[in-house]
């Protein structure tokens, strides 16, 4: 997500980020090359424990969807990101399916790219694509991982592009490994 935002702001585009649960790290974005002067950051409701606050999560996601809709209607943005990566799957599943169809129609034919970031697939459409990230060689990220001198050094991730409708031989998979670099 940060690299996509950095590329868009680097091209001079305006980027909007709807941060559903207020998890965005400004320092990481700046370090990734995002031009913060070209970024509209819409902060969502702060949820101290996203897994336990069912009603608060639902309200936060609904408010974030409204903000996302308003930004898409406003236009003038090259990239609009809806970040619900920390939201519980149950809260995302409780959003009406028509929400995603309405948003898809708003983006269709426009110059705006909409990027949905979540822990599981959110919008399902006939042409929709999902990029699934999965760790390789370990059962769960974070538990029992041996990091090197740098955070996430040696992390291997499989990225898999999945289509909403299954078609033969139209699925792509790539594996990436992280390495530490000396940035002085």
Protein backbone atom coordinates (compact mmCIF):
# COMPACT_ATOMS: atom_id res chain seq x y z
CA UNK A 1 0.00 0.00 0.00
CA UNK A 2 2.76 2.48 0.91
CA UNK A 3 4.70 1.82 -2.29
CA UNK A 4 1.55 2.35 -4.35
CA UNK A 5 0.86 5.64 -2.55
CA UNK A 6 4.50 6.71 -2.97
CA UNK A 7 4.38 5.99 -6.70
CA UNK A 8 1.14 7.95 -7.09
CA UNK A 9 2.37 10.98 -5.14
CA UNK A 10 5.69 10.76 -7.01
CA UNK A 11 3.75 11.19 -10.26
CA UNK A 12 2.13 14.31 -8.78
CA UNK A 13 -1.24 12.68 -8.10
CA UNK A 14 -3.35 13.37 -5.05
CA UNK A 15 -3.89 10.35 -2.80
CA UNK A 16 -6.63 9.88 -0.21
CA UNK A 17 -6.32 7.33 2.57
CA UNK A 18 -9.42 6.36 4.53
CA UNK A 19 -7.90 4.75 7.62
CA UNK A 20 -10.89 2.90 9.11
CA UNK A 21 -9.38 2.10 12.52
CA UNK A 22 -6.67 4.80 12.73
CA UNK A 23 -3.69 2.50 12.28
CA UNK A 24 -1.69 4.52 9.70
CA UNK A 25 1.95 5.23 10.56
CA UNK A 26 3.01 8.59 9.11
CA UNK A 27 6.74 7.97 9.70
CA UNK A 28 6.64 4.70 7.75
CA UNK A 29 4.81 6.41 4.90
CA UNK A 30 7.36 9.19 4.77
CA UNK A 31 10.22 6.67 4.85
CA UNK A 32 8.56 4.76 1.98
CA UNK A 33 8.60 7.93 -0.13
CA UNK A 34 4.99 9.10 0.19
CA UNK A 35 4.77 12.86 -0.41
CA UNK A 36 2.70 13.78 2.64
CA UNK A 37 1.79 17.15 1.08
CA UNK A 38 -0.17 15.23 -1.57
CA UNK A 39 -1.89 12.86 0.91
CA UNK A 40 -5.34 13.36 2.43
CA UNK A 41 -5.48 11.18 5.55
CA UNK A 42 -8.96 10.54 6.89
CA UNK A 43 -8.55 9.07 10.34
CA UNK A 44 -11.16 6.60 11.48
CA UNK A 45 -12.39 5.79 14.93
CA UNK A 46 -9.67 4.62 17.31
CA UNK A 47 -10.47 1.13 18.57
CA UNK A 48 -8.14 0.06 21.37
CA UNK A 49 -8.84 -3.66 20.90
CA UNK A 50 -10.24 -4.31 17.40
CA UNK A 51 -11.06 -7.95 18.14
CA UNK A 52 -13.32 -7.30 21.12
CA UNK A 53 -15.36 -4.19 20.29
CA UNK A 54 -18.00 -5.57 17.92
CA UNK A 55 -20.40 -2.60 17.74
CA UNK A 56 -17.62 0.00 17.75
CA UNK A 57 -15.87 -1.82 14.90
CA UNK A 58 -19.07 -1.93 12.89
CA UNK A 59 -19.77 1.78 13.37
CA UNK A 60 -16.15 2.65 12.56
CA UNK A 61 -16.30 0.67 9.30
CA UNK A 62 -19.64 2.20 8.30
CA UNK A 63 -18.30 5.71 8.93
CA UNK A 64 -15.14 4.89 6.98
CA UNK A 65 -17.23 3.63 4.02
CA UNK A 66 -19.18 6.91 4.07
CA UNK A 67 -15.92 8.88 4.02
CA UNK A 68 -14.57 6.67 1.21
CA UNK A 69 -17.75 7.33 -0.78
CA UNK A 70 -17.47 11.09 -0.30
CA UNK A 71 -13.84 11.13 -1.44
CA UNK A 72 -14.69 9.09 -4.54
CA UNK A 73 -17.56 11.46 -5.34
CA UNK A 74 -15.30 14.48 -4.92
CA UNK A 75 -12.96 13.24 -7.65
CA UNK A 76 -9.53 14.76 -8.34
CA UNK A 77 -7.70 11.86 -6.64
CA UNK A 78 -5.49 9.49 -8.59
CA UNK A 79 -5.62 6.90 -5.81
CA UNK A 80 -8.11 6.39 -3.00
CA UNK A 81 -7.23 3.75 -0.39
CA UNK A 82 -9.67 2.14 2.03
CA UNK A 83 -7.57 0.55 4.79
CA UNK A 84 -9.48 -1.91 6.96
CA UNK A 85 -6.57 -4.32 7.44
CA UNK A 86 -6.96 -4.44 11.22
CA UNK A 87 -10.75 -4.78 11.19
CA UNK A 88 -12.14 -8.12 12.31
CA UNK A 89 -13.43 -10.31 9.47
CA UNK A 90 -16.88 -10.46 11.08
CA UNK A 91 -17.26 -6.66 10.95
CA UNK A 92 -16.34 -6.61 7.25
CA UNK A 93 -18.72 -9.47 6.46
CA UNK A 94 -21.57 -7.57 8.15
CA UNK A 95 -21.32 -4.74 5.60
CA UNK A 96 -24.03 -5.12 2.93
CA UNK A 97 -22.87 -6.64 -0.36
CA UNK A 98 -24.49 -3.73 -2.18
CA UNK A 99 -21.88 -1.42 -0.61
CA UNK A 100 -19.17 -2.89 -2.81
CA UNK A 101 -21.31 -2.80 -5.95
CA UNK A 102 -22.12 0.88 -5.36
CA UNK A 103 -18.45 1.72 -4.84
CA UNK A 104 -17.45 -0.24 -7.93
CA UNK A 105 -19.90 1.75 -10.04
CA UNK A 106 -18.50 5.02 -8.67
CA UNK A 107 -14.97 4.11 -9.74
CA UNK A 108 -15.91 2.57 -13.08
CA UNK A 109 -14.95 4.85 -15.97
CA UNK A 110 -13.15 7.35 -13.73
CA UNK A 111 -9.44 8.17 -13.59
CA UNK A 112 -9.34 7.14 -9.93
CA UNK A 113 -7.90 3.86 -8.74
CA UNK A 114 -9.57 2.48 -5.61
CA UNK A 115 -7.50 0.17 -3.43
CA UNK A 116 -9.14 -1.90 -0.69
CA UNK A 117 -6.77 -3.20 1.99
CA UNK A 118 -8.08 -5.87 4.36
CA UNK A 119 -7.33 -9.09 6.13
CA UNK A 120 -9.60 -11.04 3.82
CA UNK A 121 -11.40 -10.42 0.51
CA UNK A 122 -13.94 -7.61 0.83
CA UNK A 123 -15.41 -6.70 -2.55
CA UNK A 124 -16.39 -9.53 -4.80
CA UNK A 125 -17.35 -8.76 -8.35
CA UNK A 126 -17.18 -10.42 -11.73
CA UNK A 127 -13.95 -8.59 -12.61
CA UNK A 128 -12.54 -8.17 -9.11
CA UNK A 129 -9.09 -9.34 -8.18
CA UNK A 130 -7.74 -10.15 -4.74
CA UNK A 131 -4.06 -10.25 -3.80
CA UNK A 132 -3.58 -12.71 -0.96
CA UNK A 133 -0.39 -12.52 1.08
CA UNK A 134 0.69 -15.58 3.04
CA UNK A 135 3.87 -16.26 5.00
CA UNK A 136 6.06 -19.11 3.79
CA UNK A 137 7.80 -21.61 6.04
CA UNK A 138 6.04 -20.61 9.28
CA UNK A 139 2.54 -21.10 10.61
CA UNK A 140 1.78 -17.56 11.73
CA UNK A 141 3.39 -14.17 11.35
CA UNK A 142 4.81 -12.73 14.52
CA UNK A 143 4.91 -15.84 16.69
CA UNK A 144 8.24 -17.61 16.83
CA UNK A 145 9.72 -15.65 13.95
CA UNK A 146 13.45 -15.21 14.03
CA UNK A 147 14.13 -11.70 12.83
CA UNK A 148 17.65 -10.61 12.08
CA UNK A 149 19.19 -7.27 12.98
CA UNK A 150 16.48 -5.46 11.04
CA UNK A 151 12.73 -5.72 11.51
CA UNK A 152 11.26 -8.33 9.15
CA UNK A 153 14.65 -9.41 7.84
CA UNK A 154 14.34 -12.87 6.33
CA UNK A 155 10.55 -12.78 5.97
CA UNK A 156 9.33 -14.77 2.97
CA UNK A 157 5.88 -13.97 1.64
CA UNK A 158 3.83 -15.59 -1.09
CA UNK A 159 1.68 -13.13 -3.04
CA UNK A 160 -1.16 -14.74 -4.96
CA UNK A 161 -3.53 -12.97 -7.36
CA UNK A 162 -6.97 -14.55 -7.16
CA UNK A 163 -9.84 -13.79 -9.51
CA UNK A 164 -13.40 -13.61 -8.23
CA UNK A 165 -14.46 -16.05 -10.95
CA UNK A 166 -12.32 -19.12 -11.41
CA UNK A 167 -10.73 -19.36 -14.84
CA UNK A 168 -8.15 -21.84 -16.01
CA UNK A 169 -4.52 -20.73 -15.83
CA UNK A 170 -5.31 -17.12 -14.95
CA UNK A 171 -3.92 -17.22 -11.44
CA UNK A 172 -0.50 -15.79 -10.64
CA UNK A 173 1.73 -16.50 -7.66
CA UNK A 174 5.06 -14.93 -6.68
CA UNK A 175 7.29 -15.37 -3.64
CA UNK A 176 9.22 -12.48 -2.10
CA UNK A 177 11.93 -12.51 0.59
CA UNK A 178 13.04 -9.53 2.62
CA UNK A 179 16.64 -8.65 3.33
CA UNK A 180 18.21 -6.03 5.52
CA UNK A 181 19.98 -3.14 3.85
CA UNK A 182 22.38 -0.62 5.25
CA UNK A 183 20.66 2.73 4.82
CA UNK A 184 23.05 5.29 6.19
